[in-house]
Amino acid sequence: MLTTLWLLLCFALPVHESPFPISCPNHKHCQLALLSNNDIILHCNAPGAQWQFLTPLKTTWANNSTTNLNMVTMLNGNLLIKNPLPSHTGIYNCNDKDGKKVMRYEIDFQDVVTLHITHKDLDQKPLQNESLSLSSKQFVFTHWEPWQDCNRCGEPGERKRLGYCYIQESLENPMPCWLYLGDEKLWSSRLRPEMQVETCHIPCSAKYVIFDNFQLRNKVGSAWLTCPLGSIYRPVLWEANNLSLTWKDQLSGKSISTIMDSSNGGSWLQVFQSAIYRCFVQQELMAQFNSKVSVDPLKFLVPEKSKQQPEAEKTRKENANSVLKGLNVMMLVGTVLTVLGCLFKQFRFSQSRKRNKMFLVK
């Protein structure tokens, strides 16, 4: 399904991360935590929809317009939020053309820069529950989402799950940390999201799509590759020359020629060596990137020319020597013929005088 969708999109759109759709089935009110810097689409089935953004404050909510550059109301009424920041945490109300509220999203965009990443096979532990300094009745914990699908099939792969910072207060329902705190000036190394990775192995059936070429261009000799439809909310796998690139190797320092960008779940890959790179999304091969070498024609023409010049000079000298030898032979032949002609002429002159003398005697 993803492959078919990508084939339809690749002819109309440039390559970007695919925005992750958010909806509230059978509900008009959602409270959730997401990660910053990852595009999303908020669903609202209301033609002529108008969106309202409210910023959480300590005691109230400040009304803000959704006309800033990273928020776009789509024709179908949905709201596209590109590269959301932690400051975009708040309430998103969708109203129909008559001003009636249709949907309400309370979203905490937790800072992906502070993402705490662990791998089970490396015995790395996730964050532990802690009491919040505001009072002993509040404690901070990680609310884990279900494990995503394995990113590879047929061979050992990896799968990940995301965890979000939540605060629980006595018997109250837990809330995402920054929806709870509002503009409270509080800092703790515990107030951050998490990503946990583990090894997995499942059977699969994958489809193949040849996608693009790349070239190492910048000063450090690297290039950024983007996996179509990749997202931190979907399982993504990269291969280099048929070898899997894993979070385990990256977190343990074994991977030195590639870097998966943790801020988008590995959808972006920085490569430092030429190779054939493939990316999979939900076990389907979405793209293949073939390295191409930059060829400078002058680099090859100039040495070739300089290489050919001595050979041409040598050829010209040999041709000149041949001409000189030919001229010398012709001059020698001409000289011999001239001498022979003179001798022959002299011989005939002597014979003529002899006959004349014989005639006079008689």
Protein backbone atom coordinates (compact mmCIF):
# COMPACT_ATOMS: atom_id res chain seq x y z
CA MET A 1 0.00 0.00 0.00
CA LEU A 2 2.79 2.43 0.94
CA THR A 3 4.63 1.60 -2.27
CA THR A 4 1.58 2.40 -4.37
CA LEU A 5 1.05 5.66 -2.51
CA TRP A 6 4.66 6.67 -3.04
CA LEU A 7 4.52 5.94 -6.76
CA LEU A 8 1.55 8.28 -7.03
CA LEU A 9 3.19 11.01 -5.00
CA CYS A 10 6.70 10.91 -6.43
CA PHE A 11 5.56 12.34 -9.78
CA ALA A 12 3.86 15.33 -8.18
CA LEU A 13 5.87 16.22 -5.08
CA PRO A 14 9.52 16.69 -4.17
CA VAL A 15 11.00 14.24 -1.68
CA HIS A 16 10.18 15.17 1.88
CA GLU A 17 9.21 13.37 5.03
CA SER A 18 5.63 12.25 4.98
CA PRO A 19 3.45 14.14 7.52
CA PHE A 20 1.97 11.78 10.07
CA PRO A 21 -1.85 11.92 10.19
CA ILE A 22 -3.51 12.44 13.59
CA SER A 23 -7.19 11.78 14.17
CA CYS A 24 -9.54 10.97 17.04
CA PRO A 25 -11.83 8.15 15.90
CA ASN A 26 -15.31 8.49 17.38
CA HIS A 27 -14.14 11.37 19.57
CA LYS A 28 -14.16 15.12 19.29
CA HIS A 29 -11.52 15.67 21.95
CA CYS A 30 -7.96 14.28 22.02
CA GLN A 31 -5.12 14.80 24.46
CA LEU A 32 -1.78 13.48 23.28
CA ALA A 33 1.97 13.94 23.25
CA LEU A 34 4.04 14.10 20.06
CA LEU A 35 7.62 14.95 19.12
CA SER A 36 8.81 18.30 17.82
CA ASN A 37 10.36 18.74 14.34
CA ASN A 38 8.16 15.99 12.84
CA ASP A 39 5.38 17.10 10.46
CA ILE A 40 1.81 16.11 11.33
CA ILE A 41 -1.68 16.57 9.89
CA LEU A 42 -4.60 17.17 12.27
CA HIS A 43 -7.82 15.75 10.89
CA CYS A 44 -11.00 17.84 10.79
CA ASN A 45 -13.86 16.82 8.54
CA ALA A 46 -15.37 20.27 8.10
CA PRO A 47 -15.43 22.13 4.77
CA GLY A 48 -14.35 25.73 5.25
CA ALA A 49 -12.73 24.80 8.56
CA GLN A 50 -11.17 27.51 10.70
CA TRP A 51 -8.48 26.62 13.21
CA GLN A 52 -7.75 28.30 16.53
CA PHE A 53 -4.55 27.80 18.53
CA LEU A 54 -4.43 28.38 22.30
CA THR A 55 -1.11 28.54 24.17
CA PRO A 56 -1.09 27.12 27.72
CA LEU A 57 -0.34 29.63 30.46
CA LYS A 58 -0.22 29.13 34.20
CA THR A 59 -3.86 30.02 34.84
CA THR A 60 -5.41 30.51 31.43
CA TRP A 61 -4.94 30.02 27.67
CA ALA A 62 -3.70 32.67 25.28
CA ASN A 63 -5.44 32.91 21.90
CA ASN A 64 -3.11 32.68 18.89
CA SER A 65 -3.70 32.68 15.17
CA THR A 66 -2.75 29.65 13.06
CA THR A 67 -1.60 31.89 10.22
CA ASN A 68 2.10 31.50 11.00
CA LEU A 69 4.32 29.96 8.36
CA ASN A 70 4.47 26.42 9.70
CA MET A 71 0.67 25.92 9.87
CA VAL A 72 -1.42 25.49 6.73
CA THR A 73 -5.17 24.83 6.54
CA MET A 74 -5.68 22.34 3.72
CA LEU A 75 -8.59 22.34 1.26
CA ASN A 76 -10.25 19.42 3.02
CA GLY A 77 -10.17 21.27 6.36
CA ASN A 78 -7.19 19.42 7.86
CA LEU A 79 -4.34 21.36 9.48
CA LEU A 80 -0.75 20.71 8.35
CA ILE A 81 1.86 21.61 10.97
CA LYS A 82 5.41 21.59 9.61
CA ASN A 83 8.40 21.25 11.95
CA PRO A 84 6.39 21.90 15.13
CA LEU A 85 8.37 23.36 18.01
CA PRO A 86 7.91 22.78 21.75
CA SER A 87 6.46 26.31 21.81
CA HIS A 88 3.60 25.03 19.65
CA THR A 89 2.31 23.00 22.59
CA GLY A 90 -1.32 23.91 23.21
CA ILE A 91 -4.93 23.45 22.17
CA TYR A 92 -5.98 23.28 18.52
CA ASN A 93 -9.68 23.88 17.95
CA CYS A 94 -11.27 23.20 14.58
CA ASN A 95 -14.49 25.15 13.90
CA ASP A 96 -16.77 24.79 10.90
CA LYS A 97 -17.74 27.74 8.67
CA ASP A 98 -20.53 28.66 11.11
CA GLY A 99 -18.13 28.81 14.05
CA LYS A 100 -19.28 25.55 15.63
CA LYS A 101 -16.51 23.52 17.29
CA VAL A 102 -15.90 20.24 15.46
CA MET A 103 -12.61 18.94 16.90
CA ARG A 104 -10.33 19.78 19.83
CA TYR A 105 -6.73 18.60 20.07
CA GLU A 106 -4.60 19.16 23.18
CA ILE A 107 -1.04 18.48 22.03
CA ASP A 108 2.28 18.52 23.87
CA PHE A 109 5.13 18.79 21.33
CA GLN A 110 7.98 17.39 23.41
CA ASP A 111 11.50 18.45 22.47
CA VAL A 112 13.04 15.81 20.20
CA VAL A 113 16.51 17.27 20.84
CA THR A 114 16.34 15.85 24.38
CA LEU A 115 15.20 12.40 23.17
CA HIS A 116 16.61 9.64 25.40
CA ILE A 117 17.49 6.59 23.23
CA THR A 118 18.20 3.11 24.61
CA HIS A 119 18.71 -0.34 23.09
CA LYS A 120 17.69 -3.47 24.98
CA ASP A 121 20.52 -5.57 23.52
CA LEU A 122 23.06 -3.10 24.93
CA ASP A 123 21.51 -3.36 28.42
CA GLN A 124 20.66 0.32 28.31
CA LYS A 125 17.88 1.26 30.71
CA PRO A 126 15.00 3.69 30.11
CA LEU A 127 14.35 6.56 32.48
CA GLN A 128 12.92 5.72 35.88
CA ASN A 129 9.88 7.27 37.53
CA GLU A 130 10.67 10.32 39.64
CA SER A 131 8.82 12.63 41.98
CA LEU A 132 8.21 16.11 40.66
CA SER A 133 9.83 18.87 42.70
CA LEU A 134 6.59 20.87 42.82
CA SER A 135 5.17 18.52 45.47
CA SER A 136 5.47 14.95 46.62
CA LYS A 137 2.00 14.16 45.21
CA GLN A 138 3.22 14.46 41.62
CA PHE A 139 5.54 12.07 39.85
CA VAL A 140 6.96 11.91 36.36
CA PHE A 141 6.84 8.73 34.29
CA THR A 142 7.12 7.59 30.67
CA HIS A 143 3.94 6.65 28.86
CA TRP A 144 5.03 4.07 26.28
CA GLU A 145 3.31 3.66 22.94
CA PRO A 146 2.96 0.16 21.42
CA TRP A 147 5.99 -1.29 19.65
CA GLN A 148 6.14 -0.36 15.99
CA ASP A 149 6.43 -3.07 13.36
CA CYS A 150 9.78 -4.71 12.76
CA ASN A 151 11.72 -2.70 10.20
CA ARG A 152 12.97 -5.78 8.35
CA CYS A 153 11.59 -9.13 7.29
CA GLY A 154 13.17 -12.50 6.64
CA GLU A 155 16.29 -11.53 8.60
CA PRO A 156 16.95 -10.01 12.03
CA GLY A 157 15.80 -6.39 12.16
CA GLU A 158 14.92 -3.78 14.75
CA ARG A 159 11.75 -2.23 16.06
CA LYS A 160 11.22 0.85 18.17
CA ARG A 161 8.67 2.38 20.46
CA LEU A 162 8.23 5.95 21.58
CA GLY A 163 7.70 7.07 25.13
CA TYR A 164 6.40 10.46 26.25
CA CYS A 165 6.86 12.40 29.45
CA TYR A 166 3.70 12.34 31.60
CA ILE A 167 2.85 13.69 35.04
CA GLN A 168 0.50 11.94 37.43
CA GLU A 169 -1.05 13.74 40.37
CA SER A 170 -2.72 11.55 43.00
CA LEU A 171 -5.95 10.15 41.53
CA GLU A 172 -6.14 12.59 38.63
CA ASN A 173 -5.71 11.41 35.07
CA PRO A 174 -2.07 11.70 33.91
CA MET A 175 -1.24 14.51 31.48
CA PRO A 176 1.62 15.14 29.05
CA CYS A 177 4.28 17.04 30.98
CA TRP A 178 4.14 20.46 29.31
CA LEU A 179 0.36 20.52 29.02
CA TYR A 180 0.36 20.00 32.78
CA LEU A 181 3.13 22.48 33.57
CA GLY A 182 2.04 25.24 31.15
CA ASP A 183 4.55 28.07 31.38
CA GLU A 184 5.94 26.85 34.73
CA LYS A 185 9.69 27.50 34.74
CA LEU A 186 10.85 24.05 35.72
CA TRP A 187 13.80 22.08 34.39
CA SER A 188 14.66 18.46 35.06
CA SER A 189 16.61 15.88 33.07
CA ARG A 190 13.61 13.60 33.64
CA LEU A 191 11.23 15.84 31.67
CA ARG A 192 11.97 14.45 28.22
CA PRO A 193 10.70 11.89 25.70
CA GLU A 194 12.25 8.49 25.04
CA MET A 195 12.83 5.97 22.25
CA GLN A 196 13.59 2.33 22.95
CA VAL A 197 14.90 -0.14 20.36
CA GLU A 198 15.12 -3.94 20.35
CA THR A 199 15.96 -6.74 17.90
CA CYS A 200 13.13 -8.53 16.08
CA HIS A 201 12.66 -11.25 13.45
CA ILE A 202 9.55 -11.80 11.33
CA PRO A 203 8.69 -13.21 7.86
CA CYS A 204 7.91 -10.73 5.12
CA SER A 205 6.99 -9.97 1.55
CA ALA A 206 8.51 -6.77 0.18
CA LYS A 207 8.18 -4.81 -3.05
CA TYR A 208 11.04 -2.96 -4.69
CA VAL A 209 11.22 0.58 -5.99
CA ILE A 210 14.27 2.08 -7.70
CA PHE A 211 14.39 5.68 -6.64
CA ASP A 212 17.32 8.03 -7.10
CA ASN A 213 21.05 8.74 -7.27
CA PHE A 214 23.17 10.77 -4.89
CA GLN A 215 26.58 12.37 -4.81
CA LEU A 216 28.97 13.23 -2.00
CA ARG A 217 29.10 16.99 -2.37
CA ASN A 218 29.89 19.10 0.67
CA LYS A 219 33.22 19.91 2.30
CA VAL A 220 33.18 16.94 4.67
CA GLY A 221 32.38 14.57 1.81
CA SER A 222 28.90 13.51 2.90
CA ALA A 223 25.33 13.53 1.63
CA TRP A 224 21.88 13.43 3.24
CA LEU A 225 19.40 10.82 2.03
CA THR A 226 15.67 11.03 2.81
CA CYS A 227 13.51 7.94 2.99
CA PRO A 228 10.14 8.57 1.28
CA LEU A 229 7.17 8.23 3.67
CA GLY A 230 9.63 7.74 6.53
CA SER A 231 8.66 9.10 9.93
CA ILE A 232 9.59 8.70 13.57
CA TYR A 233 6.10 7.24 13.95
CA ARG A 234 6.81 4.45 11.43
CA PRO A 235 9.44 1.67 11.35
CA VAL A 236 12.35 2.66 9.07
CA LEU A 237 15.32 0.53 8.02
CA TRP A 238 18.42 1.50 6.02
CA GLU A 239 20.80 -0.83 4.22
CA ALA A 240 24.25 -0.08 2.79
CA ASN A 241 25.40 -2.60 0.19
CA ASN A 242 22.84 -5.10 1.59
CA LEU A 243 24.12 -4.67 5.17
CA SER A 244 21.62 -3.38 7.73
CA LEU A 245 22.33 -0.10 9.50
CA THR A 246 21.13 -0.53 13.08
CA TRP A 247 20.58 1.70 16.08
CA LYS A 248 22.56 -0.84 18.09
CA ASP A 249 25.69 -0.23 16.01
CA GLN A 250 25.18 3.54 16.03
CA LEU A 251 24.60 3.76 19.79
CA SER A 252 27.60 1.50 20.50
CA GLY A 253 29.88 3.56 18.22
CA LYS A 254 30.47 0.80 15.66
CA SER A 255 28.89 2.72 12.79
CA ILE A 256 31.29 5.38 11.49
CA SER A 257 30.34 5.79 7.82
CA THR A 258 26.64 6.62 8.37
CA ILE A 259 24.53 8.54 10.89
CA MET A 260 20.78 8.03 11.29
CA ASP A 261 19.07 11.24 12.41
CA SER A 262 17.39 10.46 15.73
CA SER A 263 15.16 13.55 15.52
CA ASN A 264 13.02 11.86 12.83
CA GLY A 265 13.49 8.23 13.77
CA GLY A 266 16.15 7.58 11.16
CA SER A 267 14.19 8.88 8.18
CA TRP A 268 17.24 10.97 7.26
CA LEU A 269 20.58 9.27 6.75
CA GLN A 270 23.92 11.07 6.52
CA VAL A 271 26.40 9.02 4.47
CA PHE A 272 30.15 9.47 4.17
CA GLN A 273 30.96 6.70 1.69
CA SER A 274 29.78 5.79 -1.78
CA ALA A 275 27.53 2.72 -1.73
CA ILE A 276 24.09 1.47 -2.70
CA TYR A 277 21.67 2.53 0.03
CA ARG A 278 18.13 1.19 0.41
CA CYS A 279 15.43 2.27 2.81
CA PHE A 280 12.39 0.33 3.98
CA VAL A 281 9.22 1.65 5.60
CA GLN A 282 7.00 -0.89 7.32
CA GLN A 283 9.06 -3.64 5.68
CA GLU A 284 8.48 -2.33 2.15
CA LEU A 285 11.44 -1.16 0.11
CA MET A 286 10.65 2.47 -0.62
CA ALA A 287 13.85 3.78 -2.19
CA GLN A 288 17.25 2.86 -3.53
CA PHE A 289 20.03 5.44 -3.78
CA ASN A 290 22.93 4.71 -6.11
CA SER A 291 26.12 6.70 -5.69
CA LYS A 292 27.49 8.48 -8.73
CA VAL A 293 31.00 9.85 -9.17
CA SER A 294 31.55 13.43 -10.24
CA VAL A 295 33.65 13.43 -13.41
CA ASP A 296 35.70 16.49 -14.32
CA PRO A 297 36.42 16.26 -18.07
CA LEU A 298 39.46 18.54 -17.79
CA LYS A 299 40.92 16.19 -15.21
CA PHE A 300 41.10 13.50 -17.84
CA LEU A 301 41.58 15.61 -20.98
CA VAL A 302 44.59 17.56 -19.74
CA PRO A 303 46.68 14.56 -18.68
CA GLU A 304 45.65 12.74 -21.86
CA LYS A 305 46.70 15.72 -23.92
CA SER A 306 49.99 16.06 -22.09
CA LYS A 307 50.49 12.33 -22.51
CA GLN A 308 49.77 12.48 -26.22
CA GLN A 309 52.04 15.49 -26.90
CA PRO A 310 55.38 13.60 -26.52
CA GLU A 311 54.02 10.79 -28.67
CA ALA A 312 52.93 13.25 -31.37
CA GLU A 313 56.29 15.02 -31.21
CA LYS A 314 58.05 11.70 -31.57
CA THR A 315 55.84 10.80 -34.55
CA ARG A 316 56.54 14.15 -36.20
CA LYS A 317 60.28 13.67 -35.75
CA GLU A 318 60.11 10.17 -37.25
CA ASN A 319 58.13 11.52 -40.23
CA ALA A 320 60.65 14.32 -40.73
CA ASN A 321 63.53 11.85 -40.60
CA SER A 322 61.79 9.69 -43.18
CA VAL A 323 61.36 12.69 -45.48
CA LEU A 324 65.00 13.67 -45.07
CA LYS A 325 66.11 10.13 -45.81
CA GLY A 326 63.93 10.09 -48.92
CA LEU A 327 65.37 13.40 -50.09
CA ASN A 328 68.88 12.14 -49.50
CA VAL A 329 68.19 9.00 -51.54
CA MET A 330 66.66 11.08 -54.32
CA MET A 331 69.65 13.42 -54.33
CA LEU A 332 72.03 10.47 -54.42
CA VAL A 333 70.14 8.87 -57.30
CA GLY A 334 70.07 12.20 -59.12
CA THR A 335 73.82 12.64 -58.64
CA VAL A 336 74.56 9.12 -59.94
CA LEU A 337 72.31 9.66 -62.95
CA THR A 338 73.98 12.98 -63.65
CA VAL A 339 77.46 11.43 -63.46
CA LEU A 340 76.38 8.54 -65.65
CA GLY A 341 74.84 10.97 -68.14
CA CYS A 342 78.06 12.98 -68.27
CA LEU A 343 80.15 9.85 -68.74
CA PHE A 344 77.80 8.57 -71.42
CA LYS A 345 77.94 11.92 -73.21
CA GLN A 346 81.71 12.00 -72.97
CA PHE A 347 81.94 8.46 -74.30
CA ARG A 348 79.80 9.31 -77.33
CA PHE A 349 81.86 12.45 -78.00
CA SER A 350 85.11 10.37 -77.98
CA GLN A 351 83.64 7.78 -80.35
CA SER A 352 82.51 10.51 -82.75
CA ARG A 353 85.99 12.08 -82.91
CA LYS A 354 87.57 8.69 -83.53
CA ARG A 355 85.26 8.01 -86.53
CA ASN A 356 86.05 11.46 -87.96
CA LYS A 357 89.78 10.82 -87.79
CA MET A 358 89.44 7.50 -89.54
CA PHE A 359 87.43 9.17 -92.31
CA LEU A 360 90.11 11.83 -92.87
CA VAL A 361 92.91 9.26 -93.17
CA LYS A 362 91.10 7.34 -95.80
